[in-house]
């Protein structure tokens, strides 16, 4: 009887330094594939490690550090029309 491969957990220990495939990365982050690659090109997301000519991956420790940085420096929210109208009326 063949052993079944255990499913990857949804949350990885932040001390874990294993390499995530693109699929595993996308399972853990609420981002689309195209968004990740656009952010990599713009320098706003860690670039992958080239494992072989056809395989790339990301170290979880690097992604965890990126997430911690995002939490420490959140993006300011956009002003919406109602807020702008209230500010202009004042």
PDB file of N, CA and C in Angstrom:
ATOM      1  N   UNK A   1       0.844  -1.180   0.000  1.00  0.00           N
ATOM      2  CA  UNK A   1       0.000   0.000   0.000  1.00  0.00           C
ATOM      3  C   UNK A   1       0.891   1.245   0.000  1.00  0.00           C
ATOM      4  N   UNK A   2       0.653   2.133  -0.927  1.00  0.00           N
ATOM      5  CA  UNK A   2       1.466   3.343  -1.059  1.00  0.00           C
ATOM      6  C   UNK A   2       1.080   4.358   0.009  1.00  0.00           C
ATOM      7  N   UNK A   3       2.097   5.019   0.526  1.00  0.00           N
ATOM      8  CA  UNK A   3       1.845   6.064   1.509  1.00  0.00           C
ATOM      9  C   UNK A   3       1.315   7.299   0.801  1.00  0.00           C
ATOM     10  N   UNK A   4       0.312   7.923   1.405  1.00  0.00           N
ATOM     11  CA  UNK A   4      -0.213   9.162   0.851  1.00  0.00           C
ATOM     12  C   UNK A   4       0.593  10.327   1.397  1.00  0.00           C
ATOM     13  N   UNK A   5       0.822  11.277   0.557  1.00  0.00           N
ATOM     14  CA  UNK A   5       1.542  12.473   0.961  1.00  0.00           C
ATOM     15  C   UNK A   5       0.618  13.310   1.835  1.00  0.00           C
ATOM     16  N   UNK A   6       1.114  13.737   2.988  1.00  0.00           N
ATOM     17  CA  UNK A   6       0.305  14.544   3.901  1.00  0.00           C
ATOM     18  C   UNK A   6       0.038  15.912   3.286  1.00  0.00           C
ATOM     19  N   UNK A   7      -1.166  16.381   3.484  1.00  0.00           N
ATOM     20  CA  UNK A   7      -1.526  17.715   2.979  1.00  0.00           C
ATOM     21  C   UNK A   7      -0.750  18.773   3.742  1.00  0.00           C
ATOM     22  N   UNK A   8      -0.343  19.812   3.035  1.00  0.00           N
ATOM     23  CA  UNK A   8       0.381  20.886   3.710  1.00  0.00           C
ATOM     24  C   UNK A   8      -0.575  21.641   4.618  1.00  0.00           C
ATOM     25  N   UNK A   9      -0.104  22.030   5.785  1.00  0.00           N
ATOM     26  CA  UNK A   9      -0.972  22.803   6.679  1.00  0.00           C
ATOM     27  C   UNK A   9      -1.214  24.191   6.111  1.00  0.00           C
ATOM     28  N   UNK A  10      -2.322  24.791   6.498  1.00  0.00           N
ATOM     29  CA  UNK A  10      -2.638  26.140   6.012  1.00  0.00           C
ATOM     30  C   UNK A  10      -1.700  27.180   6.593  1.00  0.00           C
ATOM     31  N   UNK A  11      -1.250  26.954   7.810  1.00  0.00           N
ATOM     32  CA  UNK A  11      -0.361  27.916   8.450  1.00  0.00           C
ATOM     33  C   UNK A  11       0.953  27.211   8.739  1.00  0.00           C
ATOM     34  N   UNK A  12       2.043  27.881   8.400  1.00  0.00           N
ATOM     35  CA  UNK A  12       3.374  27.330   8.630  1.00  0.00           C
ATOM     36  C   UNK A  12       4.011  28.099   9.762  1.00  0.00           C
ATOM     37  N   UNK A  13       4.758  27.417  10.597  1.00  0.00           N
ATOM     38  CA  UNK A  13       5.505  28.064  11.659  1.00  0.00           C
ATOM     39  C   UNK A  13       6.434  29.104  11.037  1.00  0.00           C
ATOM     40  N   UNK A  14       6.480  30.298  11.614  1.00  0.00           N
ATOM     41  CA  UNK A  14       7.307  31.358  11.039  1.00  0.00           C
ATOM     42  C   UNK A  14       8.794  31.039  11.118  1.00  0.00           C
ATOM     43  N   UNK A  15       9.200  30.125  11.989  1.00  0.00           N
ATOM     44  CA  UNK A  15      10.609  29.732  12.074  1.00  0.00           C
ATOM     45  C   UNK A  15      10.934  28.715  10.983  1.00  0.00           C
ATOM     46  N   UNK A  16       9.923  28.207  10.323  1.00  0.00           N
ATOM     47  CA  UNK A  16      10.102  27.228   9.256  1.00  0.00           C
ATOM     48  C   UNK A  16      10.809  27.897   8.078  1.00  0.00           C
ATOM     49  N   UNK A  17      11.883  27.307   7.608  1.00  0.00           N
ATOM     50  CA  UNK A  17      12.650  27.904   6.520  1.00  0.00           C
ATOM     51  C   UNK A  17      12.542  27.080   5.248  1.00  0.00           C
ATOM     52  N   UNK A  18      11.452  26.345   5.117  1.00  0.00           N
ATOM     53  CA  UNK A  18      11.325  25.531   3.915  1.00  0.00           C
ATOM     54  C   UNK A  18      10.948  26.375   2.711  1.00  0.00           C
ATOM     55  N   UNK A  19      11.102  25.790   1.545  1.00  0.00           N
ATOM     56  CA  UNK A  19      10.811  26.485   0.297  1.00  0.00           C
ATOM     57  C   UNK A  19       9.380  26.152  -0.126  1.00  0.00           C
ATOM     58  N   UNK A  20       8.607  27.202  -0.416  1.00  0.00           N
ATOM     59  CA  UNK A  20       7.234  27.037  -0.867  1.00  0.00           C
ATOM     60  C   UNK A  20       7.183  27.095  -2.387  1.00  0.00           C
ATOM     61  N   UNK A  21       6.383  26.229  -2.965  1.00  0.00           N
ATOM     62  CA  UNK A  21       6.131  26.319  -4.400  1.00  0.00           C
ATOM     63  C   UNK A  21       5.164  27.479  -4.626  1.00  0.00           C
ATOM     64  N   UNK A  22       4.979  27.856  -5.875  1.00  0.00           N
ATOM     65  CA  UNK A  22       4.036  28.929  -6.184  1.00  0.00           C
ATOM     66  C   UNK A  22       2.635  28.561  -5.692  1.00  0.00           C
ATOM     67  N   UNK A  23       2.238  27.329  -5.886  1.00  0.00           N
ATOM     68  CA  UNK A  23       0.908  26.882  -5.460  1.00  0.00           C
ATOM     69  C   UNK A  23       0.750  27.022  -3.944  1.00  0.00           C
ATOM     70  N   UNK A  24       1.773  26.580  -3.185  1.00  0.00           N
ATOM     71  CA  UNK A  24       1.714  26.686  -1.724  1.00  0.00           C
ATOM     72  C   UNK A  24       1.682  28.157  -1.282  1.00  0.00           C
ATOM     73  N   UNK A  25       2.447  28.987  -1.956  1.00  0.00           N
ATOM     74  CA  UNK A  25       2.462  30.413  -1.635  1.00  0.00           C
ATOM     75  C   UNK A  25       1.077  31.012  -1.837  1.00  0.00           C
ATOM     76  N   UNK A  26       0.454  30.700  -2.972  1.00  0.00           N
ATOM     77  CA  UNK A  26      -0.855  31.259  -3.288  1.00  0.00           C
ATOM     78  C   UNK A  26      -1.956  30.712  -2.381  1.00  0.00           C
ATOM     79  N   UNK A  27      -1.753  29.515  -1.816  1.00  0.00           N
ATOM     80  CA  UNK A  27      -2.715  28.960  -0.860  1.00  0.00           C
ATOM     81  C   UNK A  27      -2.674  29.719   0.459  1.00  0.00           C
ATOM     82  N   UNK A  28      -1.529  30.317   0.768  1.00  0.00           N
ATOM     83  CA  UNK A  28      -1.340  30.975   2.061  1.00  0.00           C
ATOM     84  C   UNK A  28      -1.522  32.482   2.031  1.00  0.00           C
ATOM     85  N   UNK A  29      -1.465  33.076   0.863  1.00  0.00           N
ATOM     86  CA  UNK A  29      -1.615  34.524   0.743  1.00  0.00           C
ATOM     87  C   UNK A  29      -2.874  34.856  -0.054  1.00  0.00           C
ATOM     88  N   UNK A  30      -3.600  35.880   0.352  1.00  0.00           N
ATOM     89  CA  UNK A  30      -4.810  36.256  -0.388  1.00  0.00           C
ATOM     90  C   UNK A  30      -4.481  37.130  -1.605  1.00  0.00           C
ATOM     91  N   UNK A  31      -3.590  36.633  -2.445  1.00  0.00           N
ATOM     92  CA  UNK A  31      -3.172  37.349  -3.643  1.00  0.00           C
ATOM     93  C   UNK A  31      -3.330  36.452  -4.858  1.00  0.00           C
ATOM     94  N   UNK A  32      -3.587  37.050  -6.003  1.00  0.00           N
ATOM     95  CA  UNK A  32      -3.635  36.302  -7.260  1.00  0.00           C
ATOM     96  C   UNK A  32      -2.223  36.113  -7.785  1.00  0.00           C
ATOM     97  N   UNK A  33      -2.062  35.121  -8.617  1.00  0.00           N
ATOM     98  CA  UNK A  33      -0.753  34.834  -9.226  1.00  0.00           C
ATOM     99  C   UNK A  33      -0.207  36.057  -9.963  1.00  0.00           C
ATOM    100  N   UNK A  34      -1.052  36.699 -10.749  1.00  0.00           N
ATOM    101  CA  UNK A  34      -0.601  37.862 -11.519  1.00  0.00           C
ATOM    102  C   UNK A  34      -0.194  39.013 -10.598  1.00  0.00           C
ATOM    103  N   UNK A  35      -0.878  39.164  -9.483  1.00  0.00           N
ATOM    104  CA  UNK A  35      -0.533  40.219  -8.526  1.00  0.00           C
ATOM    105  C   UNK A  35       0.833  39.953  -7.918  1.00  0.00           C
ATOM    106  N   UNK A  36       1.093  38.699  -7.547  1.00  0.00           N
ATOM    107  CA  UNK A  36       2.400  38.346  -6.974  1.00  0.00           C
ATOM    108  C   UNK A  36       3.506  38.674  -7.960  1.00  0.00           C
ATOM    109  N   UNK A  37       3.364  38.252  -9.207  1.00  0.00           N
ATOM    110  CA  UNK A  37       4.420  38.479 -10.192  1.00  0.00           C
ATOM    111  C   UNK A  37       4.582  39.957 -10.530  1.00  0.00           C
ATOM    112  N   UNK A  38       3.496  40.709 -10.545  1.00  0.00           N
ATOM    113  CA  UNK A  38       3.601  42.149 -10.786  1.00  0.00           C
ATOM    114  C   UNK A  38       4.337  42.818  -9.620  1.00  0.00           C
ATOM    115  N   UNK A  39       4.035  42.385  -8.394  1.00  0.00           N
ATOM    116  CA  UNK A  39       4.708  42.939  -7.223  1.00  0.00           C
ATOM    117  C   UNK A  39       6.189  42.555  -7.204  1.00  0.00           C
ATOM    118  N   UNK A  40       6.519  41.360  -7.657  1.00  0.00           N
ATOM    119  CA  UNK A  40       7.925  40.952  -7.752  1.00  0.00           C
ATOM    120  C   UNK A  40       8.647  41.866  -8.739  1.00  0.00           C
ATOM    121  N   UNK A  41       8.041  42.099  -9.900  1.00  0.00           N
ATOM    122  CA  UNK A  41       8.647  42.967 -10.918  1.00  0.00           C
ATOM    123  C   UNK A  41       8.833  44.392 -10.417  1.00  0.00           C
ATOM    124  N   UNK A  42       7.887  44.870  -9.597  1.00  0.00           N
ATOM    125  CA  UNK A  42       7.952  46.229  -9.061  1.00  0.00           C
ATOM    126  C   UNK A  42       8.858  46.336  -7.839  1.00  0.00           C
ATOM    127  N   UNK A  43       9.366  45.213  -7.354  1.00  0.00           N
ATOM    128  CA  UNK A  43      10.213  45.220  -6.164  1.00  0.00           C
ATOM    129  C   UNK A  43       9.434  45.337  -4.864  1.00  0.00           C
ATOM    130  N   UNK A  44       8.134  45.039  -4.903  1.00  0.00           N
ATOM    131  CA  UNK A  44       7.293  45.139  -3.707  1.00  0.00           C
ATOM    132  C   UNK A  44       7.018  43.787  -3.063  1.00  0.00           C
ATOM    133  N   UNK A  45       7.575  42.719  -3.614  1.00  0.00           N
ATOM    134  CA  UNK A  45       7.404  41.371  -3.076  1.00  0.00           C
ATOM    135  C   UNK A  45       8.713  40.620  -3.278  1.00  0.00           C
ATOM    136  N   UNK A  46       9.092  39.766  -2.335  1.00  0.00           N
ATOM    137  CA  UNK A  46      10.372  39.060  -2.470  1.00  0.00           C
ATOM    138  C   UNK A  46      10.426  38.204  -3.735  1.00  0.00           C
ATOM    139  N   UNK A  47      11.528  38.267  -4.468  1.00  0.00           N
ATOM    140  CA  UNK A  47      11.655  37.432  -5.666  1.00  0.00           C
ATOM    141  C   UNK A  47      11.849  35.967  -5.286  1.00  0.00           C
ATOM    142  N   UNK A  48      11.467  35.060  -6.166  1.00  0.00           N
ATOM    143  CA  UNK A  48      11.639  33.633  -5.870  1.00  0.00           C
ATOM    144  C   UNK A  48      13.092  33.201  -6.038  1.00  0.00           C
ATOM    145  N   UNK A  49      13.383  32.029  -5.519  1.00  0.00           N
ATOM    146  CA  UNK A  49      14.678  31.380  -5.692  1.00  0.00           C
ATOM    147  C   UNK A  49      14.558  30.477  -6.913  1.00  0.00           C
ATOM    148  N   UNK A  50      15.515  30.519  -7.812  1.00  0.00           N
ATOM    149  CA  UNK A  50      15.510  29.622  -8.979  1.00  0.00           C
ATOM    150  C   UNK A  50      16.078  28.281  -8.521  1.00  0.00           C
ATOM    151  N   UNK A  51      15.225  27.258  -8.406  1.00  0.00           N
ATOM    152  CA  UNK A  51      15.641  25.945  -7.919  1.00  0.00           C
ATOM    153  C   UNK A  51      16.202  25.070  -9.030  1.00  0.00           C
ATOM    154  N   UNK A  52      15.617  25.175 -10.194  1.00  0.00           N
ATOM    155  CA  UNK A  52      16.071  24.443 -11.375  1.00  0.00           C
ATOM    156  C   UNK A  52      15.594  25.255 -12.577  1.00  0.00           C
ATOM    157  N   UNK A  53      15.947  24.875 -13.798  1.00  0.00           N
ATOM    158  CA  UNK A  53      15.523  25.687 -14.944  1.00  0.00           C
ATOM    159  C   UNK A  53      14.006  25.934 -15.020  1.00  0.00           C
ATOM    160  N   UNK A  54      13.208  25.002 -14.543  1.00  0.00           N
ATOM    161  CA  UNK A  54      11.759  25.167 -14.638  1.00  0.00           C
ATOM    162  C   UNK A  54      11.053  25.280 -13.308  1.00  0.00           C
ATOM    163  N   UNK A  55      11.794  25.485 -12.234  1.00  0.00           N
ATOM    164  CA  UNK A  55      11.175  25.477 -10.904  1.00  0.00           C
ATOM    165  C   UNK A  55      11.671  26.629 -10.053  1.00  0.00           C
ATOM    166  N   UNK A  56      10.722  27.356  -9.466  1.00  0.00           N
ATOM    167  CA  UNK A  56      11.042  28.465  -8.577  1.00  0.00           C
ATOM    168  C   UNK A  56      10.320  28.257  -7.263  1.00  0.00           C
ATOM    169  N   UNK A  57      10.799  28.905  -6.212  1.00  0.00           N
ATOM    170  CA  UNK A  57      10.156  28.797  -4.913  1.00  0.00           C
ATOM    171  C   UNK A  57      10.538  29.969  -4.023  1.00  0.00           C
ATOM    172  N   UNK A  58       9.836  30.093  -2.909  1.00  0.00           N
ATOM    173  CA  UNK A  58      10.078  31.165  -1.943  1.00  0.00           C
ATOM    174  C   UNK A  58      10.341  30.552  -0.579  1.00  0.00           C
ATOM    175  N   UNK A  59      11.344  31.051   0.132  1.00  0.00           N
ATOM    176  CA  UNK A  59      11.578  30.625   1.512  1.00  0.00           C
ATOM    177  C   UNK A  59      10.479  31.229   2.380  1.00  0.00           C
ATOM    178  N   UNK A  60       9.876  30.386   3.232  1.00  0.00           N
ATOM    179  CA  UNK A  60       8.806  30.865   4.102  1.00  0.00           C
ATOM    180  C   UNK A  60       9.317  31.952   5.036  1.00  0.00           C
ATOM    181  N   UNK A  61      10.553  31.852   5.501  1.00  0.00           N
ATOM    182  CA  UNK A  61      11.080  32.858   6.426  1.00  0.00           C
ATOM    183  C   UNK A  61      11.120  34.236   5.762  1.00  0.00           C
ATOM    184  N   UNK A  62      11.411  34.297   4.468  1.00  0.00           N
ATOM    185  CA  UNK A  62      11.441  35.565   3.732  1.00  0.00           C
ATOM    186  C   UNK A  62      10.024  36.111   3.588  1.00  0.00           C
ATOM    187  N   UNK A  63       9.079  35.241   3.296  1.00  0.00           N
ATOM    188  CA  UNK A  63       7.680  35.665   3.163  1.00  0.00           C
ATOM    189  C   UNK A  63       7.140  36.125   4.516  1.00  0.00           C
ATOM    190  N   UNK A  64       7.484  35.409   5.596  1.00  0.00           N
ATOM    191  CA  UNK A  64       7.040  35.795   6.934  1.00  0.00           C
ATOM    192  C   UNK A  64       7.609  37.160   7.314  1.00  0.00           C
ATOM    193  N   UNK A  65       8.851  37.433   6.948  1.00  0.00           N
ATOM    194  CA  UNK A  65       9.456  38.743   7.220  1.00  0.00           C
ATOM    195  C   UNK A  65       8.741  39.831   6.412  1.00  0.00           C
ATOM    196  N   UNK A  66       8.388  39.532   5.159  1.00  0.00           N
ATOM    197  CA  UNK A  66       7.664  40.482   4.324  1.00  0.00           C
ATOM    198  C   UNK A  66       6.305  40.799   4.958  1.00  0.00           C
ATOM    199  N   UNK A  67       5.603  39.757   5.441  1.00  0.00           N
ATOM    200  CA  UNK A  67       4.308  39.959   6.091  1.00  0.00           C
ATOM    201  C   UNK A  67       4.455  40.798   7.355  1.00  0.00           C
ATOM    202  N   UNK A  68       5.481  40.527   8.147  1.00  0.00           N
ATOM    203  CA  UNK A  68       5.712  41.296   9.374  1.00  0.00           C
ATOM    204  C   UNK A  68       5.963  42.761   9.041  1.00  0.00           C
ATOM    205  N   UNK A  69       6.703  43.025   7.965  1.00  0.00           N
ATOM    206  CA  UNK A  69       6.960  44.395   7.534  1.00  0.00           C
ATOM    207  C   UNK A  69       5.669  45.070   7.095  1.00  0.00           C
ATOM    208  N   UNK A  70       4.815  44.326   6.394  1.00  0.00           N
ATOM    209  CA  UNK A  70       3.528  44.877   5.955  1.00  0.00           C
ATOM    210  C   UNK A  70       2.668  45.236   7.160  1.00  0.00           C
ATOM    211  N   UNK A  71       2.706  44.389   8.201  1.00  0.00           N
ATOM    212  CA  UNK A  71       1.926  44.675   9.408  1.00  0.00           C
ATOM    213  C   UNK A  71       2.476  45.900  10.133  1.00  0.00           C
ATOM    214  N   UNK A  72       3.786  46.063  10.136  1.00  0.00           N
ATOM    215  CA  UNK A  72       4.413  47.193  10.818  1.00  0.00           C
ATOM    216  C   UNK A  72       4.185  48.504  10.069  1.00  0.00           C
ATOM    217  N   UNK A  73       4.050  48.429   8.750  1.00  0.00           N
ATOM    218  CA  UNK A  73       3.855  49.627   7.930  1.00  0.00           C
ATOM    219  C   UNK A  73       2.641  49.437   7.023  1.00  0.00           C
ATOM    220  N   UNK A  74       1.435  49.498   7.584  1.00  0.00           N
ATOM    221  CA  UNK A  74       0.239  49.263   6.766  1.00  0.00           C
ATOM    222  C   UNK A  74       0.048  50.340   5.700  1.00  0.00           C
ATOM    223  N   UNK A  75      -0.618  49.963   4.648  1.00  0.00           N
ATOM    224  CA  UNK A  75      -0.943  50.895   3.574  1.00  0.00           C
ATOM    225  C   UNK A  75      -2.053  51.807   4.077  1.00  0.00           C
ATOM    226  N   UNK A  76      -1.897  53.089   3.842  1.00  0.00           N
ATOM    227  CA  UNK A  76      -2.951  54.016   4.242  1.00  0.00           C
ATOM    228  C   UNK A  76      -4.169  53.783   3.355  1.00  0.00           C
ATOM    229  N   UNK A  77      -5.319  53.830   3.963  1.00  0.00           N
ATOM    230  CA  UNK A  77      -6.522  53.567   3.180  1.00  0.00           C
ATOM    231  C   UNK A  77      -6.858  54.752   2.297  1.00  0.00           C
ATOM    232  N   UNK A  78      -7.574  54.445   1.258  1.00  0.00           N
ATOM    233  CA  UNK A  78      -7.970  55.472   0.297  1.00  0.00           C
ATOM    234  C   UNK A  78      -9.081  56.339   0.868  1.00  0.00           C
ATOM    235  N   UNK A  79      -9.083  57.567   0.439  1.00  0.00           N
ATOM    236  CA  UNK A  79     -10.197  58.450   0.784  1.00  0.00           C
ATOM    237  C   UNK A  79     -11.326  58.168  -0.188  1.00  0.00           C
ATOM    238  N   UNK A  80     -12.505  58.081   0.331  1.00  0.00           N
ATOM    239  CA  UNK A  80     -13.660  57.809  -0.514  1.00  0.00           C
ATOM    240  C   UNK A  80     -14.438  59.088  -0.776  1.00  0.00           C
ATOM    241  N   UNK A  81     -15.325  59.025  -1.733  1.00  0.00           N
ATOM    242  CA  UNK A  81     -16.068  60.199  -2.169  1.00  0.00           C
ATOM    243  C   UNK A  81     -16.762  60.904  -1.006  1.00  0.00           C
ATOM    244  N   UNK A  82     -17.415  60.175  -0.140  1.00  0.00           N
ATOM    245  CA  UNK A  82     -18.156  60.779   0.968  1.00  0.00           C
ATOM    246  C   UNK A  82     -17.199  61.529   1.884  1.00  0.00           C
ATOM    247  N   UNK A  83     -16.044  60.922   2.185  1.00  0.00           N
ATOM    248  CA  UNK A  83     -15.076  61.588   3.052  1.00  0.00           C
ATOM    249  C   UNK A  83     -14.539  62.860   2.398  1.00  0.00           C
ATOM    250  N   UNK A  84     -14.297  62.793   1.117  1.00  0.00           N
ATOM    251  CA  UNK A  84     -13.786  63.948   0.375  1.00  0.00           C
ATOM    252  C   UNK A  84     -14.837  65.073   0.373  1.00  0.00           C
ATOM    253  N   UNK A  85     -16.096  64.712   0.154  1.00  0.00           N
ATOM    254  CA  UNK A  85     -17.162  65.716   0.125  1.00  0.00           C
ATOM    255  C   UNK A  85     -17.303  66.363   1.497  1.00  0.00           C
ATOM    256  N   UNK A  86     -17.190  65.573   2.569  1.00  0.00           N
ATOM    257  CA  UNK A  86     -17.286  66.129   3.923  1.00  0.00           C
ATOM    258  C   UNK A  86     -16.112  67.056   4.216  1.00  0.00           C
ATOM    259  N   UNK A  87     -14.932  66.716   3.763  1.00  0.00           N
ATOM    260  CA  UNK A  87     -13.746  67.525   4.001  1.00  0.00           C
ATOM    261  C   UNK A  87     -13.832  68.841   3.230  1.00  0.00           C
ATOM    262  N   UNK A  88     -14.344  68.788   2.020  1.00  0.00           N
ATOM    263  CA  UNK A  88     -14.461  69.992   1.199  1.00  0.00           C
ATOM    264  C   UNK A  88     -15.540  70.932   1.752  1.00  0.00           C
ATOM    265  N   UNK A  89     -16.580  70.362   2.360  1.00  0.00           N
ATOM    266  CA  UNK A  89     -17.672  71.164   2.920  1.00  0.00           C
ATOM    267  C   UNK A  89     -17.239  71.892   4.189  1.00  0.00           C
ATOM    268  N   UNK A  90     -16.238  71.366   4.866  1.00  0.00           N
ATOM    269  CA  UNK A  90     -15.796  71.974   6.141  1.00  0.00           C
ATOM    270  C   UNK A  90     -15.010  73.227   5.941  1.00  0.00           C
TER     271      UNK A  90
END
